[in-house]
Amino acid sequence: MKKIYKYGIGSLLAFLTLSLVFQSCTKNFDDLNTDPYGVSKEQMEADFKIVGEPFKQALQNIYSYDPVWVFQLQQNLIGDVYGGYMMPPTPFRGNINNMTYFLVDGWNQFPWSVAYSKVMSPMASVERNGENFPDFIAWSKIVKVEAMHRLSDMFGPVIYTHYGQVNDDGSIDYDCQKDVYDAFFKDLDDAVAVLANYADGDSIQRFTSFDLVYGGDYGQWVKFANSLRLRLAIRIADADPARAKAEAEKAIANPFGVLENNSDNFLVASDAGLGHPLNTINNAWNDIRMNANMESILKGYNDPRLGKYFQPSVANPGEFHGIREGIDIAAKSEYQDVASKLIDFGDVQLMTCAEVYFLRAEGALRGWNMGGDAQSFYETGIAKSFEQHGAGDATAYINDETSTPADYVDPVHPENSTPAVETATIKWNAGNSLATNLDQIITQKWLAMYPDGQEAWSEFRRTGYPHQFPLKVNNSGGTIPEGTFIKRINFVEPEYQTNANGVAKAVECLGGPDTGGTPLWWDVDNK
């Protein structure tokens, strides 16, 4: 984490910088993104730059590309760890950090600041300047939903429908999470209705120069919007079953369909030659390694994706080792060469067709009309993930009815070793209980969504699957009870300073204290 210290996280300078960022992204919207190119609005409208260029910034900051240390704080030291994918070998702050549930506010401000300054702000500029470009406004709504549902799934209430609307007392209102999900669905409705009219093959595809995902293909964006609707519908399945069913079936019924092939995957490219941020954290900084939960499940299943996701241990050639979350680490040297590095990544992955097949499997399991049965979607999801990662034919794996996750053996400190906690097998058995089948679906979806730990963390909180090893060290001071797992990130300090009344109302939405132990609206306690 050399770059973090270089930029002085926790220092007064960083704090003041963040405060300015937050104030600009919540109060001075009209001053942002105004004619940054030094040409007239008419000139920029002629080649669509006035409404197109902001998308590059927004798309590359849903999951930040650059600078890498921002991504490290935006996701890697939150979702990637809490989702059970990764674990740093580095004892940041003397082990008093996010990994031991001492939530470092100087770190956790970054998901918030990035979402508003680098996604919501540029998308607001599209809406301001897009009177003559309804297709671009529709596109901006899809991008906002993709970015802001991730933020909401981290914090709960967020500023969305009231973005840019300053009250008389200087505050800005948050949306409770139930309300913001309503707004997400509405924005997807609006976007799909507009873009469907542009995707008939006769319209000029005007996104091409700015689209870092689908190269300007309007139909692909509609297909992604439908898939995103399905993800959000499943997310609220326990909190609002009727709404969830209706939204999920609407996604499947849309003529454009959902992601079905790996060519449909939502992968954000860099237009500046930037590499995937995880590659720097993994290789140059040596600040991230395999999580023990990944080791347990991949090894126990004899999963061929093990070698596609991780590298063998440097210290123990031919072996793969993870690090258990929430343990005492004395020094980086203890695990740096023992634990497995990540395999290098290409474009940033935010949704795959494999995930969508598992979403459909869960919907079918719940009795919703998903266009097929749970088993076929489950097995197709596995096969598509194998295909994506070049892991070979999945037939034998799909028919494995005996393998289960392995016990974890800590190669450095044996006292951290622990029996396996996940028990799901692989082969589908329709005669199993709904809970057992759901465990299988989520565990395989978890394996397929790697390395997007934010989504893995959300699904773990929603379902409790796959089961994770408990923390040995909990420095939350009781805000996250012993033996339980973190539920959310608390609201950020700059918001308390500049939007205190807004935050106070947001805390009321939570129905509990502003701590990491208070569950989100969709995180129903039925696990």
Protein backbone atom coordinates (compact mmCIF):
# COMPACT_ATOMS: atom_id res chain seq x y z
CA MET A 1 0.00 0.00 0.00
CA LYS A 2 2.92 2.30 -0.72
CA LYS A 3 0.83 4.64 -2.81
CA ILE A 4 -1.66 5.19 -0.01
CA TYR A 5 1.02 6.42 2.31
CA LYS A 6 2.54 8.48 -0.46
CA TYR A 7 -0.75 10.33 -0.73
CA GLY A 8 -1.06 10.62 3.03
CA ILE A 9 -4.32 8.90 3.91
CA GLY A 10 -5.38 10.17 7.30
CA SER A 11 -3.34 13.34 6.91
CA LEU A 12 -4.85 16.78 7.14
CA LEU A 13 -4.13 17.40 3.48
CA ALA A 14 -6.06 14.34 2.36
CA PHE A 15 -8.90 15.19 4.69
CA LEU A 16 -9.21 18.72 3.36
CA THR A 17 -9.03 17.46 -0.21
CA LEU A 18 -11.79 14.97 0.43
CA SER A 19 -13.93 17.61 2.09
CA LEU A 20 -13.61 19.80 -0.98
CA VAL A 21 -14.47 16.86 -3.23
CA PHE A 22 -17.57 16.03 -1.22
CA GLN A 23 -18.73 19.61 -1.11
CA SER A 24 -18.26 19.94 -4.85
CA CYS A 25 -20.11 16.73 -5.58
CA THR A 26 -23.05 17.57 -3.35
CA LYS A 27 -23.43 21.33 -3.68
CA ASN A 28 -21.65 22.87 -6.69
CA PHE A 29 -22.91 20.61 -9.46
CA ASP A 30 -23.42 23.31 -12.06
CA ASP A 31 -19.75 24.33 -11.87
CA LEU A 32 -18.55 20.85 -12.80
CA ASN A 33 -17.79 19.57 -16.27
CA THR A 34 -18.60 22.87 -17.99
CA ASP A 35 -16.88 23.20 -21.34
CA PRO A 36 -13.62 21.46 -20.35
CA TYR A 37 -12.55 21.14 -23.96
CA GLY A 38 -12.21 24.81 -24.88
CA VAL A 39 -14.67 24.66 -27.77
CA SER A 40 -18.24 25.83 -28.18
CA LYS A 41 -21.27 23.80 -27.24
CA GLU A 42 -22.32 23.77 -30.88
CA GLN A 43 -18.99 22.28 -31.95
CA MET A 44 -19.19 19.62 -29.28
CA GLU A 45 -22.76 18.74 -30.19
CA ALA A 46 -21.72 18.15 -33.79
CA ASP A 47 -19.59 15.14 -32.89
CA PHE A 48 -21.53 14.25 -29.70
CA LYS A 49 -18.53 14.98 -27.46
CA ILE A 50 -20.53 17.21 -25.14
CA VAL A 51 -22.66 14.23 -24.15
CA GLY A 52 -20.23 11.43 -24.96
CA GLU A 53 -16.90 12.25 -23.34
CA PRO A 54 -18.26 12.15 -19.75
CA PHE A 55 -19.02 8.45 -20.18
CA LYS A 56 -15.36 7.50 -20.32
CA GLN A 57 -14.76 8.96 -16.88
CA ALA A 58 -17.90 7.43 -15.44
CA LEU A 59 -17.37 3.94 -16.87
CA GLN A 60 -13.77 3.81 -15.66
CA ASN A 61 -14.77 4.79 -12.13
CA ILE A 62 -17.59 2.39 -11.36
CA TYR A 63 -14.56 0.29 -10.47
CA SER A 64 -11.72 2.79 -10.59
CA TYR A 65 -8.83 2.28 -12.96
CA ASP A 66 -6.60 5.17 -11.95
CA PRO A 67 -4.98 6.02 -9.66
CA VAL A 68 -4.67 2.48 -8.38
CA TRP A 69 -4.58 3.48 -4.72
CA VAL A 70 -8.07 4.94 -5.12
CA PHE A 71 -9.38 1.56 -6.32
CA GLN A 72 -7.57 -0.10 -3.42
CA LEU A 73 -9.66 1.98 -1.04
CA GLN A 74 -12.82 2.05 -3.16
CA GLN A 75 -13.19 -1.73 -3.32
CA ASN A 76 -10.13 -3.86 -2.67
CA LEU A 77 -9.88 -3.28 1.08
CA ILE A 78 -13.66 -3.51 1.44
CA GLY A 79 -15.65 -5.74 -0.92
CA ASP A 80 -12.80 -7.89 -2.21
CA VAL A 81 -11.99 -8.90 1.36
CA TYR A 82 -15.50 -9.03 2.83
CA GLY A 83 -16.69 -11.02 -0.19
CA GLY A 84 -14.17 -13.74 0.69
CA TYR A 85 -12.04 -13.47 -2.47
CA MET A 86 -8.86 -11.76 -1.31
CA MET A 87 -6.88 -10.83 1.78
CA PRO A 88 -3.86 -8.56 2.15
CA PRO A 89 -0.69 -9.99 3.69
CA THR A 90 0.06 -6.49 4.92
CA PRO A 91 -0.81 -5.57 8.54
CA PHE A 92 -1.98 -2.06 7.72
CA ARG A 93 -2.16 0.25 10.75
CA GLY A 94 -0.80 -2.49 12.98
CA ASN A 95 -3.75 -4.77 12.17
CA ILE A 96 -6.25 -2.14 13.32
CA ASN A 97 -8.02 -1.88 9.99
CA ASN A 98 -10.99 -2.94 7.87
CA MET A 99 -9.87 -6.57 7.85
CA THR A 100 -10.30 -6.77 11.63
CA TYR A 101 -13.51 -4.68 11.53
CA PHE A 102 -11.96 -1.44 12.70
CA LEU A 103 -13.50 0.63 9.91
CA VAL A 104 -10.96 3.21 8.77
CA ASP A 105 -12.91 6.30 7.80
CA GLY A 106 -9.98 7.77 5.91
CA TRP A 107 -10.12 4.72 3.63
CA ASN A 108 -13.86 4.24 3.41
CA GLN A 109 -14.57 7.78 2.23
CA PHE A 110 -13.29 6.88 -1.23
CA PRO A 111 -16.17 4.74 -2.52
CA TRP A 112 -18.43 7.68 -1.72
CA SER A 113 -16.26 10.42 -3.21
CA VAL A 114 -15.54 8.47 -6.39
CA ALA A 115 -19.21 7.67 -7.00
CA TYR A 116 -20.26 11.30 -6.78
CA SER A 117 -17.32 13.16 -8.29
CA LYS A 118 -16.53 10.69 -11.09
CA VAL A 119 -19.86 9.06 -11.93
CA MET A 120 -22.82 11.12 -10.79
CA SER A 121 -21.19 14.44 -11.69
CA PRO A 122 -20.27 13.56 -15.30
CA MET A 123 -23.64 11.88 -15.79
CA ALA A 124 -25.32 15.05 -14.51
CA SER A 125 -23.46 16.98 -17.20
CA VAL A 126 -24.93 14.61 -19.80
CA GLU A 127 -28.41 15.33 -18.51
CA ARG A 128 -27.76 19.10 -18.53
CA ASN A 129 -26.45 19.11 -22.08
CA GLY A 130 -28.46 16.29 -23.57
CA GLU A 131 -31.72 17.94 -24.51
CA ASN A 132 -31.20 16.89 -28.11
CA PHE A 133 -29.71 13.49 -27.24
CA PRO A 134 -32.29 11.29 -25.51
CA ASP A 135 -30.24 8.18 -26.27
CA PHE A 136 -27.30 9.54 -24.29
CA ILE A 137 -29.54 10.50 -21.38
CA ALA A 138 -30.96 6.97 -21.40
CA TRP A 139 -27.44 5.54 -21.43
CA SER A 140 -26.48 7.74 -18.48
CA LYS A 141 -29.32 6.29 -16.44
CA ILE A 142 -28.05 2.75 -16.92
CA VAL A 143 -24.52 3.78 -15.94
CA LYS A 144 -25.81 5.56 -12.85
CA VAL A 145 -27.82 2.55 -11.71
CA GLU A 146 -24.84 0.24 -12.15
CA ALA A 147 -22.57 2.52 -10.14
CA MET A 148 -25.00 3.68 -7.49
CA HIS A 149 -26.53 0.33 -6.63
CA ARG A 150 -23.00 -0.73 -5.69
CA LEU A 151 -22.67 2.32 -3.45
CA SER A 152 -26.08 1.75 -1.90
CA ASP A 153 -25.21 -1.90 -1.31
CA MET A 154 -22.23 -0.64 0.67
CA PHE A 155 -23.79 2.17 2.71
CA GLY A 156 -27.59 1.72 2.44
CA PRO A 157 -29.27 5.14 1.97
CA VAL A 158 -27.55 7.32 -0.63
CA ILE A 159 -28.10 10.62 -2.41
CA TYR A 160 -29.71 9.74 -5.73
CA THR A 161 -33.05 11.29 -6.65
CA HIS A 162 -32.14 14.43 -4.67
CA TYR A 163 -28.70 14.78 -6.24
CA GLY A 164 -28.03 18.49 -6.81
CA GLN A 165 -31.06 19.60 -4.80
CA VAL A 166 -29.87 21.70 -1.86
CA ASN A 167 -32.38 22.40 0.91
CA ASP A 168 -32.78 25.77 2.61
CA ASP A 169 -30.61 24.60 5.48
CA GLY A 170 -27.83 23.62 3.08
CA SER A 171 -28.44 19.90 3.39
CA ILE A 172 -29.21 17.36 0.70
CA ASP A 173 -31.66 14.53 1.30
CA TYR A 174 -30.69 10.89 1.05
CA ASP A 175 -33.00 8.22 -0.38
CA CYS A 176 -33.78 5.33 1.94
CA GLN A 177 -32.59 2.13 0.32
CA LYS A 178 -36.07 0.88 -0.54
CA ASP A 179 -36.77 4.20 -2.25
CA VAL A 180 -33.48 4.27 -4.11
CA TYR A 181 -34.15 0.78 -5.46
CA ASP A 182 -37.53 2.03 -6.67
CA ALA A 183 -35.66 4.83 -8.44
CA PHE A 184 -33.21 2.35 -9.95
CA PHE A 185 -36.03 0.32 -11.46
CA LYS A 186 -37.71 3.47 -12.80
CA ASP A 187 -34.49 4.68 -14.41
CA LEU A 188 -34.03 1.29 -16.05
CA ASP A 189 -37.62 1.46 -17.32
CA ASP A 190 -36.99 4.88 -18.86
CA ALA A 191 -33.65 3.90 -20.35
CA VAL A 192 -34.86 0.68 -21.93
CA ALA A 193 -37.92 2.38 -23.44
CA VAL A 194 -35.75 5.00 -25.13
CA LEU A 195 -32.85 2.82 -26.28
CA ALA A 196 -35.15 0.16 -27.71
CA ASN A 197 -36.21 2.75 -30.28
CA TYR A 198 -32.58 3.32 -31.28
CA ALA A 199 -31.62 -0.34 -31.50
CA ASP A 200 -33.74 -1.30 -34.51
CA GLY A 201 -30.79 -1.34 -36.88
CA ASP A 202 -31.78 1.80 -38.78
CA SER A 203 -30.61 4.40 -36.27
CA ILE A 204 -27.10 5.84 -36.20
CA GLN A 205 -25.18 4.28 -33.33
CA ARG A 206 -23.86 7.46 -31.71
CA PHE A 207 -22.14 5.90 -28.66
CA THR A 208 -19.28 4.30 -30.56
CA SER A 209 -16.49 6.79 -29.80
CA PHE A 210 -17.27 6.84 -26.08
CA ASP A 211 -18.46 3.32 -25.22
CA LEU A 212 -15.75 1.36 -23.40
CA VAL A 213 -17.97 -1.70 -22.98
CA TYR A 214 -20.04 -2.54 -26.05
CA GLY A 215 -18.48 -0.38 -28.75
CA GLY A 216 -21.65 1.64 -29.27
CA ASP A 217 -24.13 -1.23 -29.59
CA TYR A 218 -27.49 0.07 -28.34
CA GLY A 219 -29.03 -3.40 -28.24
CA GLN A 220 -26.26 -4.69 -25.97
CA TRP A 221 -26.92 -1.85 -23.55
CA VAL A 222 -30.61 -2.78 -23.41
CA LYS A 223 -29.63 -6.39 -22.79
CA PHE A 224 -27.32 -5.27 -19.99
CA ALA A 225 -30.04 -3.07 -18.49
CA ASN A 226 -32.37 -6.09 -18.42
CA SER A 227 -29.67 -8.16 -16.74
CA LEU A 228 -29.03 -5.40 -14.21
CA ARG A 229 -32.76 -5.30 -13.46
CA LEU A 230 -32.64 -9.05 -12.83
CA ARG A 231 -29.69 -8.64 -10.45
CA LEU A 232 -31.49 -5.94 -8.48
CA ALA A 233 -34.71 -7.96 -8.42
CA ILE A 234 -32.92 -10.94 -6.90
CA ARG A 235 -31.21 -8.61 -4.43
CA ILE A 236 -34.55 -7.57 -2.94
CA ALA A 237 -36.16 -11.02 -3.12
CA ASP A 238 -36.51 -11.39 0.65
CA ALA A 239 -37.28 -7.76 1.41
CA ASP A 240 -40.02 -7.30 -1.21
CA PRO A 241 -40.88 -10.67 -2.83
CA ALA A 242 -43.75 -9.43 -4.98
CA ARG A 243 -41.78 -6.53 -6.45
CA ALA A 244 -38.77 -8.78 -6.96
CA LYS A 245 -40.78 -11.34 -8.92
CA ALA A 246 -42.39 -8.67 -11.09
CA GLU A 247 -39.09 -6.97 -11.93
CA ALA A 248 -37.29 -10.26 -12.60
CA GLU A 249 -40.00 -11.50 -14.96
CA LYS A 250 -40.05 -8.11 -16.70
CA ALA A 251 -36.31 -8.45 -17.36
CA ILE A 252 -36.73 -11.89 -18.91
CA ALA A 253 -39.80 -10.93 -20.95
CA ASN A 254 -38.11 -7.98 -22.65
CA PRO A 255 -37.55 -8.75 -26.37
CA PHE A 256 -33.86 -7.89 -26.18
CA GLY A 257 -33.30 -10.54 -23.50
CA VAL A 258 -30.43 -10.74 -21.01
CA LEU A 259 -26.74 -11.66 -21.18
CA GLU A 260 -26.49 -15.18 -22.59
CA ASN A 261 -22.97 -15.57 -23.99
CA ASN A 262 -19.51 -14.55 -22.88
CA SER A 263 -19.44 -12.08 -25.76
CA ASP A 264 -22.20 -10.25 -23.85
CA ASN A 265 -20.13 -9.85 -20.68
CA PHE A 266 -19.93 -6.34 -19.21
CA LEU A 267 -16.19 -5.63 -19.34
CA VAL A 268 -14.92 -2.06 -19.08
CA ALA A 269 -11.85 -1.35 -21.18
CA SER A 270 -9.33 1.42 -20.59
CA ASP A 271 -8.99 4.13 -23.22
CA ALA A 272 -5.66 5.25 -21.76
CA GLY A 273 -3.66 2.03 -21.80
CA LEU A 274 -4.17 1.54 -18.08
CA GLY A 275 -3.80 -1.96 -16.73
CA HIS A 276 -6.26 -3.61 -14.37
CA PRO A 277 -5.70 -2.02 -10.94
CA LEU A 278 -5.50 -5.40 -9.21
CA ASN A 279 -2.37 -6.22 -11.21
CA THR A 280 -0.48 -3.35 -9.57
CA ILE A 281 -1.72 -4.12 -6.07
CA ASN A 282 -0.89 -7.80 -6.52
CA ASN A 283 2.46 -7.62 -8.31
CA ALA A 284 4.09 -4.25 -7.71
CA TRP A 285 2.88 -3.61 -4.18
CA ASN A 286 2.38 -7.21 -3.00
CA ASP A 287 -0.62 -5.97 -1.03
CA ILE A 288 -3.21 -8.61 -1.95
CA ARG A 289 -3.37 -12.40 -2.01
CA MET A 290 -5.87 -15.29 -2.11
CA ASN A 291 -8.43 -15.45 0.70
CA ALA A 292 -8.68 -18.66 2.74
CA ASN A 293 -12.33 -19.03 1.73
CA MET A 294 -11.30 -19.23 -1.92
CA GLU A 295 -8.67 -21.80 -1.12
CA SER A 296 -11.12 -23.96 0.81
CA ILE A 297 -13.76 -24.05 -1.91
CA LEU A 298 -11.58 -24.21 -5.02
CA LYS A 299 -9.30 -26.90 -3.56
CA GLY A 300 -12.13 -28.94 -2.11
CA TYR A 301 -13.95 -28.98 -5.43
CA ASN A 302 -10.77 -29.78 -7.39
CA ASP A 303 -11.89 -26.79 -9.39
CA PRO A 304 -9.80 -26.19 -12.54
CA ARG A 305 -10.38 -22.46 -12.12
CA LEU A 306 -7.96 -22.50 -9.18
CA GLY A 307 -4.98 -22.12 -11.50
CA LYS A 308 -6.89 -19.67 -13.69
CA TYR A 309 -7.54 -17.35 -10.76
CA PHE A 310 -4.38 -17.73 -8.65
CA GLN A 311 -0.68 -18.50 -8.91
CA PRO A 312 1.10 -21.22 -6.92
CA SER A 313 2.89 -20.15 -3.77
CA VAL A 314 6.39 -18.75 -4.28
CA ALA A 315 7.60 -20.23 -1.01
CA ASN A 316 5.88 -23.58 -1.57
CA PRO A 317 5.97 -24.28 -5.33
CA GLY A 318 3.03 -26.24 -6.69
CA GLU A 319 0.83 -25.39 -3.69
CA PHE A 320 -1.93 -22.81 -3.35
CA HIS A 321 -2.45 -21.00 -0.07
CA GLY A 322 -4.86 -18.35 1.13
CA ILE A 323 -4.88 -16.03 4.14
CA ARG A 324 -7.67 -16.12 6.66
CA GLU A 325 -9.42 -12.80 7.22
CA GLY A 326 -9.34 -11.28 10.68
CA ILE A 327 -6.12 -12.75 12.06
CA ASP A 328 -3.08 -11.18 13.68
CA ILE A 329 -0.39 -10.56 11.08
CA ALA A 330 2.90 -9.42 12.55
CA ALA A 331 4.65 -8.46 9.33
CA LYS A 332 4.08 -8.51 5.57
CA SER A 333 6.93 -10.99 5.17
CA GLU A 334 4.96 -13.70 6.98
CA TYR A 335 2.51 -14.36 4.15
CA GLN A 336 3.75 -12.37 1.14
CA ASP A 337 5.59 -15.28 -0.51
CA VAL A 338 3.59 -18.08 1.07
CA ALA A 339 0.11 -17.00 0.00
CA SER A 340 -0.94 -17.23 -3.64
CA LYS A 341 -0.83 -14.20 -5.88
CA LEU A 342 -3.67 -13.42 -8.25
CA ILE A 343 -3.39 -14.21 -11.95
CA ASP A 344 -3.20 -10.99 -13.99
CA PHE A 345 -6.45 -9.49 -15.26
CA GLY A 346 -7.45 -7.69 -18.45
CA ASP A 347 -10.52 -5.47 -18.60
CA VAL A 348 -12.56 -4.72 -15.48
CA GLN A 349 -15.42 -7.22 -15.12
CA LEU A 350 -18.73 -5.97 -13.74
CA MET A 351 -21.20 -8.61 -14.97
CA THR A 352 -20.97 -11.90 -16.85
CA CYS A 353 -23.48 -14.15 -18.56
CA ALA A 354 -22.57 -16.82 -15.99
CA GLU A 355 -23.85 -14.57 -13.20
CA VAL A 356 -27.07 -14.03 -15.14
CA TYR A 357 -27.65 -17.77 -15.52
CA PHE A 358 -27.29 -18.16 -11.76
CA LEU A 359 -29.71 -15.28 -11.22
CA ARG A 360 -32.21 -17.06 -13.45
CA ALA A 361 -31.56 -20.31 -11.58
CA GLU A 362 -32.46 -18.66 -8.29
CA GLY A 363 -35.53 -17.03 -9.79
CA ALA A 364 -36.71 -20.39 -11.16
CA LEU A 365 -36.02 -21.98 -7.78
CA ARG A 366 -38.36 -19.40 -6.26
CA GLY A 367 -41.07 -20.29 -8.78
CA TRP A 368 -40.67 -17.26 -11.03
CA ASN A 369 -40.97 -17.47 -14.81
CA MET A 370 -37.34 -17.32 -15.92
CA GLY A 371 -37.78 -19.12 -19.23
CA GLY A 372 -36.45 -22.43 -17.99
CA ASP A 373 -35.74 -24.53 -14.93
CA ALA A 374 -33.29 -24.00 -12.09
CA GLN A 375 -31.08 -26.98 -12.86
CA SER A 376 -30.48 -26.11 -16.50
CA PHE A 377 -29.62 -22.50 -15.64
CA TYR A 378 -27.33 -23.64 -12.80
CA GLU A 379 -25.42 -26.04 -15.02
CA THR A 380 -25.20 -23.55 -17.88
CA GLY A 381 -23.82 -20.94 -15.48
CA ILE A 382 -21.01 -23.29 -14.49
CA ALA A 383 -20.27 -24.17 -18.11
CA LYS A 384 -20.18 -20.51 -19.16
CA SER A 385 -17.77 -19.67 -16.34
CA PHE A 386 -15.48 -22.52 -17.38
CA GLU A 387 -15.64 -21.28 -20.95
CA GLN A 388 -14.86 -17.71 -19.94
CA HIS A 389 -11.71 -18.75 -18.08
CA GLY A 390 -10.51 -21.48 -20.42
CA ALA A 391 -11.01 -24.12 -17.74
CA GLY A 392 -12.00 -26.90 -20.14
CA ASP A 393 -15.12 -29.03 -20.34
CA ALA A 394 -17.33 -28.65 -17.25
CA THR A 395 -19.25 -31.92 -17.61
CA ALA A 396 -17.32 -33.96 -15.05
CA TYR A 397 -17.32 -31.07 -12.59
CA ILE A 398 -21.08 -30.56 -12.94
CA ASN A 399 -21.65 -34.25 -12.20
CA ASP A 400 -19.38 -34.37 -9.14
CA GLU A 401 -21.69 -35.33 -6.29
CA THR A 402 -19.09 -35.98 -3.56
CA SER A 403 -16.55 -33.15 -3.44
CA THR A 404 -17.00 -30.53 -0.73
CA PRO A 405 -14.89 -27.56 0.39
CA ALA A 406 -11.64 -28.42 2.16
CA ASP A 407 -10.44 -27.63 5.66
CA TYR A 408 -8.15 -24.63 5.85
CA VAL A 409 -4.59 -25.22 6.99
CA ASP A 410 -2.60 -22.07 7.72
CA PRO A 411 0.95 -22.71 6.49
CA VAL A 412 2.44 -20.00 8.72
CA HIS A 413 0.45 -20.06 11.96
CA PRO A 414 -1.28 -23.42 12.53
CA GLU A 415 -3.46 -21.88 15.24
CA ASN A 416 -5.39 -20.14 12.45
CA SER A 417 -6.30 -23.45 10.79
CA THR A 418 -9.98 -24.35 10.85
CA PRO A 419 -12.39 -26.99 9.51
CA ALA A 420 -14.38 -26.15 6.38
CA VAL A 421 -17.56 -24.21 7.03
CA GLU A 422 -19.16 -24.48 3.58
CA THR A 423 -20.75 -27.88 2.88
CA ALA A 424 -22.36 -27.55 -0.57
CA THR A 425 -21.69 -30.24 -3.15
CA ILE A 426 -21.68 -29.52 -6.88
CA LYS A 427 -24.09 -31.89 -8.62
CA TRP A 428 -27.67 -30.63 -8.67
CA ASN A 429 -30.32 -32.68 -6.96
CA ALA A 430 -33.85 -31.34 -7.41
CA GLY A 431 -34.93 -33.35 -4.39
CA ASN A 432 -32.80 -31.27 -2.05
CA SER A 433 -34.29 -28.53 0.10
CA LEU A 434 -34.64 -25.03 -1.30
CA ALA A 435 -31.92 -23.87 1.11
CA THR A 436 -29.50 -26.55 -0.09
CA ASN A 437 -30.15 -25.76 -3.75
CA LEU A 438 -29.80 -22.05 -3.07
CA ASP A 439 -26.48 -22.70 -1.33
CA GLN A 440 -25.27 -24.47 -4.47
CA ILE A 441 -26.43 -21.66 -6.75
CA ILE A 442 -24.84 -18.89 -4.71
CA THR A 443 -21.59 -20.78 -4.14
CA GLN A 444 -21.17 -21.36 -7.87
CA LYS A 445 -22.20 -17.78 -8.64
CA TRP A 446 -19.62 -16.62 -6.11
CA LEU A 447 -16.94 -18.59 -7.94
CA ALA A 448 -18.07 -17.21 -11.31
CA MET A 449 -18.26 -13.52 -10.29
CA TYR A 450 -14.60 -13.41 -9.21
CA PRO A 451 -12.85 -10.95 -8.96
CA ASP A 452 -15.75 -8.52 -8.31
CA GLY A 453 -15.74 -8.72 -4.54
CA GLN A 454 -18.37 -6.01 -4.09
CA GLU A 455 -21.01 -8.24 -5.67
CA ALA A 456 -19.71 -11.27 -3.75
CA TRP A 457 -20.04 -9.37 -0.48
CA SER A 458 -23.58 -8.26 -1.31
CA GLU A 459 -24.68 -11.80 -2.10
CA PHE A 460 -23.02 -13.17 1.02
CA ARG A 461 -24.89 -10.69 3.19
CA ARG A 462 -28.17 -11.38 1.41
CA THR A 463 -28.00 -15.18 1.57
CA GLY A 464 -25.24 -16.20 3.98
CA TYR A 465 -23.68 -18.27 1.18
CA PRO A 466 -21.09 -19.49 0.68
CA HIS A 467 -20.35 -19.78 4.39
CA GLN A 468 -17.16 -17.95 5.39
CA PHE A 469 -14.56 -18.52 8.07
CA PRO A 470 -15.26 -16.32 11.10
CA LEU A 471 -12.80 -13.66 12.20
CA LYS A 472 -10.44 -14.46 15.04
CA VAL A 473 -9.73 -10.79 15.73
CA ASN A 474 -12.66 -8.34 15.87
CA ASN A 475 -11.60 -4.76 16.57
CA SER A 476 -15.05 -3.23 16.02
CA GLY A 477 -15.50 -2.43 19.71
CA GLY A 478 -18.76 -4.37 19.76
CA THR A 479 -20.47 -2.58 16.88
CA ILE A 480 -20.18 -5.80 14.86
CA PRO A 481 -20.93 -8.57 17.37
CA GLU A 482 -18.42 -11.39 17.80
CA GLY A 483 -19.15 -14.34 15.55
CA THR A 484 -21.05 -12.22 13.02
CA PHE A 485 -19.98 -10.53 9.79
CA ILE A 486 -19.88 -6.90 8.71
CA LYS A 487 -23.15 -5.63 7.25
CA ARG A 488 -22.28 -2.21 5.80
CA ILE A 489 -19.90 0.75 5.84
CA ASN A 490 -20.82 3.70 8.06
CA PHE A 491 -21.51 7.11 6.54
CA VAL A 492 -18.40 9.13 5.81
CA GLU A 493 -17.03 11.89 8.01
CA PRO A 494 -17.13 14.68 5.37
CA GLU A 495 -20.86 14.10 5.00
CA TYR A 496 -21.32 14.50 8.75
CA GLN A 497 -19.43 17.79 8.49
CA THR A 498 -21.09 19.25 5.40
CA ASN A 499 -24.49 17.52 5.31
CA ALA A 500 -25.29 16.72 8.92
CA ASN A 501 -29.07 17.04 8.61
CA GLY A 502 -29.09 14.83 5.53
CA VAL A 503 -27.07 12.17 7.30
CA ALA A 504 -29.33 12.31 10.36
CA LYS A 505 -32.35 11.48 8.20
CA ALA A 506 -30.39 8.74 6.44
CA VAL A 507 -29.60 7.12 9.79
CA GLU A 508 -33.32 7.07 10.54
CA CYS A 509 -33.77 5.07 7.33
CA LEU A 510 -31.34 2.44 8.60
CA GLY A 511 -33.50 1.54 11.56
CA GLY A 512 -30.37 1.13 13.62
CA PRO A 513 -27.11 2.86 14.48
CA ASP A 514 -24.69 4.06 11.82
CA THR A 515 -22.27 1.18 12.33
CA GLY A 516 -20.96 -1.79 10.42
CA GLY A 517 -23.31 -4.07 12.32
CA THR A 518 -26.61 -2.61 11.08
CA PRO A 519 -28.07 -4.60 8.16
CA LEU A 520 -29.26 -3.00 4.95
CA TRP A 521 -32.94 -2.98 3.93
CA TRP A 522 -32.60 -5.99 1.63
CA ASP A 523 -30.48 -7.93 4.14
CA VAL A 524 -33.39 -9.70 5.82
CA ASP A 525 -32.40 -11.67 8.91
CA ASN A 526 -33.63 -15.09 7.79
CA LYS A 527 -30.23 -16.77 7.54
